[in-house]
Amino acid sequence: MSRKHNVLALLLIVPLSGCSNAPSIPVLGAYFPDWLFCILAGMLLAFLLQVLLARLGYAAWLVPSVLTYPVLTALLSMSTWLLFFQN
């Protein structure tokens, strides 16, 4: 094999070395990916935060809400993943 083939083989094999099983959580015998629970937690936390801010009178600060709440949901989802599922 030439050096060119060795380099090509190495470039094709290296990205595969990071592959592993997806982390999952068993629920009633079925396995669900952990990111699914993080998204649900982020949505619930964003909703609760919106209710709290509305009751305190600060909901008007989060405008435009079409952009703010999806970003807030993503932030809370990623924070949940870091808090509970980081290895």
C-alpha atoms as a PDB file:
ATOM      1  CA  MET A   1       0.000   0.000   0.000  1.00  0.00           C
ATOM      2  CA  SER A   2       1.230   3.422  -0.783  1.00  0.00           C
ATOM      3  CA  ARG A   3       1.456   6.277   1.664  1.00  0.00           C
ATOM      4  CA  LYS A   4      -1.475   7.956  -0.067  1.00  0.00           C
ATOM      5  CA  HIS A   5      -3.717   4.952   0.649  1.00  0.00           C
ATOM      6  CA  ASN A   6      -2.595   4.849   4.288  1.00  0.00           C
ATOM      7  CA  VAL A   7      -3.468   8.498   4.809  1.00  0.00           C
ATOM      8  CA  LEU A   8      -6.842   8.008   3.121  1.00  0.00           C
ATOM      9  CA  ALA A   9      -7.600   4.957   5.278  1.00  0.00           C
ATOM     10  CA  LEU A  10      -6.631   6.868   8.417  1.00  0.00           C
ATOM     11  CA  LEU A  11      -8.856   9.805   7.480  1.00  0.00           C
ATOM     12  CA  LEU A  12     -11.789   7.441   6.969  1.00  0.00           C
ATOM     13  CA  ILE A  13     -11.239   5.491  10.209  1.00  0.00           C
ATOM     14  CA  VAL A  14     -10.560   8.346  12.653  1.00  0.00           C
ATOM     15  CA  PRO A  15     -14.120   9.808  12.639  1.00  0.00           C
ATOM     16  CA  LEU A  16     -15.504   6.357  13.459  1.00  0.00           C
ATOM     17  CA  SER A  17     -13.449   6.090  16.642  1.00  0.00           C
ATOM     18  CA  GLY A  18     -15.783   8.501  18.446  1.00  0.00           C
ATOM     19  CA  CYS A  19     -18.897   6.436  17.837  1.00  0.00           C
ATOM     20  CA  SER A  20     -20.510   4.837  20.864  1.00  0.00           C
ATOM     21  CA  ASN A  21     -23.921   3.736  22.016  1.00  0.00           C
ATOM     22  CA  ALA A  22     -26.449   6.487  22.523  1.00  0.00           C
ATOM     23  CA  PRO A  23     -27.199   7.166  26.178  1.00  0.00           C
ATOM     24  CA  SER A  24     -30.736   6.068  26.927  1.00  0.00           C
ATOM     25  CA  ILE A  25     -33.116   5.779  29.856  1.00  0.00           C
ATOM     26  CA  PRO A  26     -35.346   2.740  30.368  1.00  0.00           C
ATOM     27  CA  VAL A  27     -39.005   3.650  30.935  1.00  0.00           C
ATOM     28  CA  LEU A  28     -41.435   0.729  31.364  1.00  0.00           C
ATOM     29  CA  GLY A  29     -39.190  -1.570  29.341  1.00  0.00           C
ATOM     30  CA  ALA A  30     -38.632   0.824  26.432  1.00  0.00           C
ATOM     31  CA  TYR A  31     -35.432   2.815  26.008  1.00  0.00           C
ATOM     32  CA  PHE A  32     -35.648   6.533  25.265  1.00  0.00           C
ATOM     33  CA  PRO A  33     -32.727   8.856  24.457  1.00  0.00           C
ATOM     34  CA  ASP A  34     -31.756  11.194  27.270  1.00  0.00           C
ATOM     35  CA  TRP A  35     -32.036  14.282  25.062  1.00  0.00           C
ATOM     36  CA  LEU A  36     -35.772  13.621  24.748  1.00  0.00           C
ATOM     37  CA  PHE A  37     -36.212  14.068  28.495  1.00  0.00           C
ATOM     38  CA  CYS A  38     -34.009  17.158  28.446  1.00  0.00           C
ATOM     39  CA  ILE A  39     -36.195  18.779  25.795  1.00  0.00           C
ATOM     40  CA  LEU A  40     -39.329  18.003  27.794  1.00  0.00           C
ATOM     41  CA  ALA A  41     -37.730  19.424  30.943  1.00  0.00           C
ATOM     42  CA  GLY A  42     -36.622  22.551  29.034  1.00  0.00           C
ATOM     43  CA  MET A  43     -40.138  23.098  27.701  1.00  0.00           C
ATOM     44  CA  LEU A  44     -41.666  22.659  31.155  1.00  0.00           C
ATOM     45  CA  LEU A  45     -39.128  24.984  32.771  1.00  0.00           C
ATOM     46  CA  ALA A  46     -39.629  27.643  30.077  1.00  0.00           C
ATOM     47  CA  PHE A  47     -43.394  27.457  30.585  1.00  0.00           C
ATOM     48  CA  LEU A  48     -43.039  27.763  34.365  1.00  0.00           C
ATOM     49  CA  LEU A  49     -40.646  30.680  33.959  1.00  0.00           C
ATOM     50  CA  GLN A  50     -43.097  32.399  31.605  1.00  0.00           C
ATOM     51  CA  VAL A  51     -45.933  31.970  34.131  1.00  0.00           C
ATOM     52  CA  LEU A  52     -43.733  33.286  36.945  1.00  0.00           C
ATOM     53  CA  LEU A  53     -42.610  36.312  34.927  1.00  0.00           C
ATOM     54  CA  ALA A  54     -46.190  37.051  33.873  1.00  0.00           C
ATOM     55  CA  ARG A  55     -47.370  37.009  37.487  1.00  0.00           C
ATOM     56  CA  LEU A  56     -44.530  39.289  38.545  1.00  0.00           C
ATOM     57  CA  GLY A  57     -45.191  41.677  35.649  1.00  0.00           C
ATOM     58  CA  TYR A  58     -41.875  41.100  33.867  1.00  0.00           C
ATOM     59  CA  ALA A  59     -43.166  39.107  30.875  1.00  0.00           C
ATOM     60  CA  ALA A  60     -43.086  42.240  28.699  1.00  0.00           C
ATOM     61  CA  TRP A  61     -39.295  42.223  28.992  1.00  0.00           C
ATOM     62  CA  LEU A  62     -39.052  39.064  26.891  1.00  0.00           C
ATOM     63  CA  VAL A  63     -39.922  40.421  23.467  1.00  0.00           C
ATOM     64  CA  PRO A  64     -40.164  39.207  20.747  1.00  0.00           C
ATOM     65  CA  SER A  65     -41.625  36.141  22.405  1.00  0.00           C
ATOM     66  CA  VAL A  66     -41.536  34.146  19.141  1.00  0.00           C
ATOM     67  CA  LEU A  67     -37.735  34.250  19.362  1.00  0.00           C
ATOM     68  CA  THR A  68     -37.247  34.454  23.115  1.00  0.00           C
ATOM     69  CA  TYR A  69     -39.113  31.361  24.281  1.00  0.00           C
ATOM     70  CA  PRO A  70     -37.561  28.873  21.825  1.00  0.00           C
ATOM     71  CA  VAL A  71     -34.100  30.179  22.753  1.00  0.00           C
ATOM     72  CA  LEU A  72     -35.002  29.963  26.439  1.00  0.00           C
ATOM     73  CA  THR A  73     -36.253  26.399  25.913  1.00  0.00           C
ATOM     74  CA  ALA A  74     -32.998  25.443  24.175  1.00  0.00           C
ATOM     75  CA  LEU A  75     -30.919  27.041  26.950  1.00  0.00           C
ATOM     76  CA  LEU A  76     -32.856  25.250  29.675  1.00  0.00           C
ATOM     77  CA  SER A  77     -32.746  21.931  27.773  1.00  0.00           C
ATOM     78  CA  MET A  78     -28.982  22.099  27.346  1.00  0.00           C
ATOM     79  CA  SER A  79     -28.541  23.151  30.966  1.00  0.00           C
ATOM     80  CA  THR A  80     -30.645  20.169  32.068  1.00  0.00           C
ATOM     81  CA  TRP A  81     -28.473  17.844  29.993  1.00  0.00           C
ATOM     82  CA  LEU A  82     -25.292  19.295  31.500  1.00  0.00           C
ATOM     83  CA  LEU A  83     -26.698  19.047  35.007  1.00  0.00           C
ATOM     84  CA  PHE A  84     -27.988  15.462  34.862  1.00  0.00           C
ATOM     85  CA  PHE A  85     -26.318  13.605  31.968  1.00  0.00           C
ATOM     86  CA  GLN A  86     -22.772  14.916  31.676  1.00  0.00           C
ATOM     87  CA  ASN A  87     -20.282  12.093  32.132  1.00  0.00           C
END
